Amino acid sequence: MEITWLGHACFLLEQDGYRIVTDPYTGVEGYPPLRTAAHAVYCSHHHFDHDAVDAVAPLSERESPFTVREVPTFHDDQGGALRGTNMIRVFTAGDVSVAHLGDLGHPLTAEQLTAIGPVDGVLVPVGGVYTLDAQAAKRVCQSLAPRWLVPMHYRHAPYGLPEVAGVEPFLALWPEGTIRRLPGRTFQAGAETAGVLVPTF
């Protein structure tokens, strides 16, 4: 599976020429307008920075190599009272499973962990304020026990929501040898992929 970070919480997942975009953004400071194309678009929730489906040009329908599993969660730690619901999705193709956590705002319950199941990778929000902060994000990652993970939804000036934290507090919680700063935004997720992957925008 090829994975490209398009910015903020938006990723392009590709397998055998099939393209999935998840959480397309608009109006996020610093990022250029999103322009991409996909066979399918998924949004974890319906806030402006996660559901700009009009920014994704539709491709012709074809059979998808992906299976998609959905696990309902919340956008806050008060049962959705502050910011509503959030949908975690597990995308599986080519023997790789990756969980996009959306704007998860709370620890995962035992039932949610069971529903998510074993995953190779996790795309995890780390900036706090609207989502998990660095410490909570690490605990969620430890509970899921992936082989690799990608932090998202953080501020890296001039990009990102101005009120959320950067990625460094999250990275500081992991052994230095596990962190891989990638030369670009795209990587191949396979059997050898491991560690905390930090794409370069």
Foldseek 3Di string as FASTA:
>chain_A
DKWFDLAFLWIWDDDPRAIEIFFAAPDWFPRDQAAEEGQYYYFFDDDRGGDPCVNYHHDDHDDDQKDKFKFKAEQAPPRNPPPRITIWIWIDHPNAIEIRRHNAHAADDPVRLVSSDAHQEYEFEAFDPRHHHLVRRVVNCVSNVHQEYEYHQHDDPPGHHPVTHHCVVNVVVDPPVQEDEDPARMDDDDPPDGGYYYHDD
